[in-house]
Amino acid sequence: MDRILIDSDVILDSFFDRNPFAEYSSVILSMCESGKIKGFLTPLIYSNVYYLLRRTAKHEKVIGKLSQLLKITDVLQMDRKVIEKALNSGFKDFEDALQSYSAVNSGNIDLILTRNLKDYKNSELGVFTPETYIKSRNASL
């Protein structure tokens, strides 16, 4: 079973039903729920998703969505080592560096799913869009 860091944009595509991306992002979340993949997020991803969902929904509703998400995913840790690596990395986007090094530091993440491939070009892990990942794994799903 693949162990995957799921970036904020993938979660938001599903929650906001952003076409044409929502279809694949929703499949990824369904795969987490059914146990076909093991999805991971970071505390920063939860914070970003909360902030953006809160713009359009009440606190209680957003907390409900995040609670559902927490039931089907696990949480990676961010510590001093992750922050130091991110600060000293070649990443142009500090937030993406934090995500990537959280995954690397955990030692058990296989790949990262995001639509933002260019900002993860310095990642030590493989990086895929949800669509590319699903299509590449279609035979085994």
C-alpha atoms as a PDB file:
ATOM      1  CA  MET A   1       0.000   0.000   0.000  1.00  0.00           C
ATOM      2  CA  ASP A   2       1.372   3.394  -0.983  1.00  0.00           C
ATOM      3  CA  ARG A   3       1.947   5.881   1.817  1.00  0.00           C
ATOM      4  CA  ILE A   4       1.274   9.337   0.423  1.00  0.00           C
ATOM      5  CA  LEU A   5       1.575  12.938   1.574  1.00  0.00           C
ATOM      6  CA  ILE A   6      -1.486  14.709   0.198  1.00  0.00           C
ATOM      7  CA  ASP A   7      -0.908  18.427  -0.377  1.00  0.00           C
ATOM      8  CA  SER A   8      -3.434  21.131   0.524  1.00  0.00           C
ATOM      9  CA  ASP A   9      -4.486  21.766  -3.068  1.00  0.00           C
ATOM     10  CA  VAL A  10      -5.650  18.167  -3.470  1.00  0.00           C
ATOM     11  CA  ILE A  11      -7.826  18.394  -0.360  1.00  0.00           C
ATOM     12  CA  LEU A  12      -9.208  21.782  -1.386  1.00  0.00           C
ATOM     13  CA  ASP A  13      -9.978  20.593  -4.926  1.00  0.00           C
ATOM     14  CA  SER A  14     -12.181  17.893  -3.456  1.00  0.00           C
ATOM     15  CA  PHE A  15     -13.801  20.031  -0.752  1.00  0.00           C
ATOM     16  CA  PHE A  16     -14.491  22.970  -3.094  1.00  0.00           C
ATOM     17  CA  ASP A  17     -15.438  20.690  -6.013  1.00  0.00           C
ATOM     18  CA  ARG A  18     -12.954  22.484  -8.278  1.00  0.00           C
ATOM     19  CA  ASN A  19     -13.336  21.185 -11.805  1.00  0.00           C
ATOM     20  CA  PRO A  20     -11.673  19.456 -13.531  1.00  0.00           C
ATOM     21  CA  PHE A  21      -9.482  18.486 -10.553  1.00  0.00           C
ATOM     22  CA  ALA A  22     -12.142  17.455  -8.032  1.00  0.00           C
ATOM     23  CA  GLU A  23     -12.810  14.112  -9.689  1.00  0.00           C
ATOM     24  CA  TYR A  24      -9.282  12.797  -9.136  1.00  0.00           C
ATOM     25  CA  SER A  25      -8.848  14.456  -5.748  1.00  0.00           C
ATOM     26  CA  SER A  26     -12.076  12.880  -4.526  1.00  0.00           C
ATOM     27  CA  VAL A  27     -10.896   9.472  -5.757  1.00  0.00           C
ATOM     28  CA  ILE A  28      -7.703   9.923  -3.731  1.00  0.00           C
ATOM     29  CA  LEU A  29      -9.711  10.635  -0.578  1.00  0.00           C
ATOM     30  CA  SER A  30     -11.957   7.647  -1.309  1.00  0.00           C
ATOM     31  CA  MET A  31      -8.857   5.478  -1.666  1.00  0.00           C
ATOM     32  CA  CYS A  32      -7.725   6.666   1.766  1.00  0.00           C
ATOM     33  CA  GLU A  33     -11.119   5.854   3.226  1.00  0.00           C
ATOM     34  CA  SER A  34     -11.205   2.367   1.690  1.00  0.00           C
ATOM     35  CA  GLY A  35      -7.630   1.569   2.745  1.00  0.00           C
ATOM     36  CA  LYS A  36      -6.206   1.277  -0.774  1.00  0.00           C
ATOM     37  CA  ILE A  37      -3.647   3.943   0.109  1.00  0.00           C
ATOM     38  CA  LYS A  38      -2.487   5.472   3.376  1.00  0.00           C
ATOM     39  CA  GLY A  39      -2.854   9.239   3.236  1.00  0.00           C
ATOM     40  CA  PHE A  40      -0.863  11.651   5.370  1.00  0.00           C
ATOM     41  CA  LEU A  41      -1.168  15.375   5.998  1.00  0.00           C
ATOM     42  CA  THR A  42       0.860  17.804   8.078  1.00  0.00           C
ATOM     43  CA  PRO A  43      -0.469  20.169  10.753  1.00  0.00           C
ATOM     44  CA  LEU A  44       0.242  22.991   8.309  1.00  0.00           C
ATOM     45  CA  ILE A  45      -2.020  21.398   5.700  1.00  0.00           C
ATOM     46  CA  TYR A  46      -4.833  21.151   8.252  1.00  0.00           C
ATOM     47  CA  SER A  47      -4.307  24.802   9.133  1.00  0.00           C
ATOM     48  CA  ASN A  48      -4.313  25.921   5.489  1.00  0.00           C
ATOM     49  CA  VAL A  49      -7.432  23.920   4.695  1.00  0.00           C
ATOM     50  CA  TYR A  50      -9.200  25.295   7.784  1.00  0.00           C
ATOM     51  CA  TYR A  51      -8.294  28.864   6.861  1.00  0.00           C
ATOM     52  CA  LEU A  52      -9.549  28.568   3.279  1.00  0.00           C
ATOM     53  CA  LEU A  53     -12.718  26.637   4.122  1.00  0.00           C
ATOM     54  CA  ARG A  54     -13.517  29.088   6.910  1.00  0.00           C
ATOM     55  CA  ARG A  55     -13.865  31.867   4.351  1.00  0.00           C
ATOM     56  CA  THR A  56     -17.015  30.211   3.014  1.00  0.00           C
ATOM     57  CA  ALA A  57     -18.396  28.169   5.912  1.00  0.00           C
ATOM     58  CA  LYS A  58     -19.021  28.391   9.640  1.00  0.00           C
ATOM     59  CA  HIS A  59     -16.422  27.172  12.104  1.00  0.00           C
ATOM     60  CA  GLU A  60     -18.503  24.151  13.164  1.00  0.00           C
ATOM     61  CA  LYS A  61     -18.953  22.949   9.588  1.00  0.00           C
ATOM     62  CA  VAL A  62     -15.246  23.325   8.822  1.00  0.00           C
ATOM     63  CA  ILE A  63     -14.289  21.472  12.001  1.00  0.00           C
ATOM     64  CA  GLY A  64     -16.667  18.696  10.934  1.00  0.00           C
ATOM     65  CA  LYS A  65     -14.958  18.406   7.536  1.00  0.00           C
ATOM     66  CA  LEU A  66     -11.510  18.343   9.129  1.00  0.00           C
ATOM     67  CA  SER A  67     -12.657  15.720  11.642  1.00  0.00           C
ATOM     68  CA  GLN A  68     -13.849  13.529   8.760  1.00  0.00           C
ATOM     69  CA  LEU A  69     -10.503  14.033   7.047  1.00  0.00           C
ATOM     70  CA  LEU A  70      -8.642  13.065  10.213  1.00  0.00           C
ATOM     71  CA  LYS A  71     -10.552   9.765  10.331  1.00  0.00           C
ATOM     72  CA  ILE A  72      -9.195   8.693   6.928  1.00  0.00           C
ATOM     73  CA  THR A  73      -5.657  10.130   7.063  1.00  0.00           C
ATOM     74  CA  ASP A  74      -2.746  10.276   9.453  1.00  0.00           C
ATOM     75  CA  VAL A  75      -0.638  13.263  10.519  1.00  0.00           C
ATOM     76  CA  LEU A  76       3.079  13.765   9.914  1.00  0.00           C
ATOM     77  CA  GLN A  77       5.150  15.624  12.455  1.00  0.00           C
ATOM     78  CA  MET A  78       7.006  18.860  11.934  1.00  0.00           C
ATOM     79  CA  ASP A  79       9.951  19.495  14.204  1.00  0.00           C
ATOM     80  CA  ARG A  80      13.119  21.559  14.383  1.00  0.00           C
ATOM     81  CA  LYS A  81      14.966  19.238  11.983  1.00  0.00           C
ATOM     82  CA  VAL A  82      12.235  19.649   9.354  1.00  0.00           C
ATOM     83  CA  ILE A  83      12.275  23.439   9.702  1.00  0.00           C
ATOM     84  CA  GLU A  84      16.072  23.590   9.474  1.00  0.00           C
ATOM     85  CA  LYS A  85      16.082  21.450   6.331  1.00  0.00           C
ATOM     86  CA  ALA A  86      13.328  23.575   4.788  1.00  0.00           C
ATOM     87  CA  LEU A  87      15.162  26.811   5.582  1.00  0.00           C
ATOM     88  CA  ASN A  88      18.354  25.516   3.972  1.00  0.00           C
ATOM     89  CA  SER A  89      16.738  23.876   0.963  1.00  0.00           C
ATOM     90  CA  GLY A  90      16.601  24.909  -2.661  1.00  0.00           C
ATOM     91  CA  PHE A  91      12.815  25.175  -2.526  1.00  0.00           C
ATOM     92  CA  LYS A  92      11.370  28.471  -3.746  1.00  0.00           C
ATOM     93  CA  ASP A  93       8.270  27.966  -1.574  1.00  0.00           C
ATOM     94  CA  PHE A  94       9.039  27.547   2.136  1.00  0.00           C
ATOM     95  CA  GLU A  95       5.659  25.974   2.866  1.00  0.00           C
ATOM     96  CA  ASP A  96       6.218  23.277   0.243  1.00  0.00           C
ATOM     97  CA  ALA A  97       9.711  22.688   1.649  1.00  0.00           C
ATOM     98  CA  LEU A  98       8.156  22.093   5.069  1.00  0.00           C
ATOM     99  CA  GLN A  99       5.709  19.592   3.573  1.00  0.00           C
ATOM    100  CA  SER A 100       8.401  17.761   1.629  1.00  0.00           C
ATOM    101  CA  TYR A 101      10.839  17.486   4.525  1.00  0.00           C
ATOM    102  CA  SER A 102       8.081  16.371   6.885  1.00  0.00           C
ATOM    103  CA  ALA A 103       7.465  13.492   4.504  1.00  0.00           C
ATOM    104  CA  VAL A 104      11.160  12.704   4.061  1.00  0.00           C
ATOM    105  CA  ASN A 105      11.874  12.984   7.788  1.00  0.00           C
ATOM    106  CA  SER A 106       9.093  10.525   8.625  1.00  0.00           C
ATOM    107  CA  GLY A 107      10.977   7.838   6.728  1.00  0.00           C
ATOM    108  CA  ASN A 108       7.837   6.083   5.575  1.00  0.00           C
ATOM    109  CA  ILE A 109       6.273   8.238   2.851  1.00  0.00           C
ATOM    110  CA  ASP A 110       6.510   6.913  -0.702  1.00  0.00           C
ATOM    111  CA  LEU A 111       5.405   9.975  -2.658  1.00  0.00           C
ATOM    112  CA  ILE A 112       3.699  13.347  -2.642  1.00  0.00           C
ATOM    113  CA  LEU A 113       0.436  14.180  -4.399  1.00  0.00           C
ATOM    114  CA  THR A 114      -0.062  17.778  -5.501  1.00  0.00           C
ATOM    115  CA  ARG A 115      -1.098  19.806  -8.526  1.00  0.00           C
ATOM    116  CA  ASN A 116       1.819  22.106  -7.807  1.00  0.00           C
ATOM    117  CA  LEU A 117       4.590  19.970  -9.324  1.00  0.00           C
ATOM    118  CA  LYS A 118       7.005  22.808 -10.067  1.00  0.00           C
ATOM    119  CA  ASP A 119       7.331  23.846  -6.433  1.00  0.00           C
ATOM    120  CA  TYR A 120       8.269  20.290  -5.454  1.00  0.00           C
ATOM    121  CA  LYS A 121      10.973  19.835  -8.100  1.00  0.00           C
ATOM    122  CA  ASN A 122      13.630  19.718  -5.338  1.00  0.00           C
ATOM    123  CA  SER A 123      11.817  17.042  -3.360  1.00  0.00           C
ATOM    124  CA  GLU A 124      13.667  13.845  -2.513  1.00  0.00           C
ATOM    125  CA  LEU A 125      10.400  11.962  -3.053  1.00  0.00           C
ATOM    126  CA  GLY A 126       8.437  11.256  -6.200  1.00  0.00           C
ATOM    127  CA  VAL A 127       5.787  13.865  -6.890  1.00  0.00           C
ATOM    128  CA  PHE A 128       2.600  13.214  -8.872  1.00  0.00           C
ATOM    129  CA  THR A 129      -0.678  14.907  -9.613  1.00  0.00           C
ATOM    130  CA  PRO A 130      -3.714  12.940  -8.426  1.00  0.00           C
ATOM    131  CA  GLU A 131      -4.645  12.304 -12.063  1.00  0.00           C
ATOM    132  CA  THR A 132      -1.211  10.962 -13.004  1.00  0.00           C
ATOM    133  CA  TYR A 133      -1.038   8.811  -9.894  1.00  0.00           C
ATOM    134  CA  ILE A 134      -4.474   7.282 -10.447  1.00  0.00           C
ATOM    135  CA  LYS A 135      -3.835   6.623 -14.137  1.00  0.00           C
ATOM    136  CA  SER A 136      -0.437   5.043 -13.414  1.00  0.00           C
ATOM    137  CA  ARG A 137      -1.930   2.768 -10.745  1.00  0.00           C
ATOM    138  CA  ASN A 138      -5.209   2.050 -12.533  1.00  0.00           C
ATOM    139  CA  ALA A 139      -4.404  -1.587 -13.250  1.00  0.00           C
ATOM    140  CA  SER A 140      -3.835  -2.288  -9.558  1.00  0.00           C
ATOM    141  CA  LEU A 141      -6.786  -0.388  -8.118  1.00  0.00           C
END
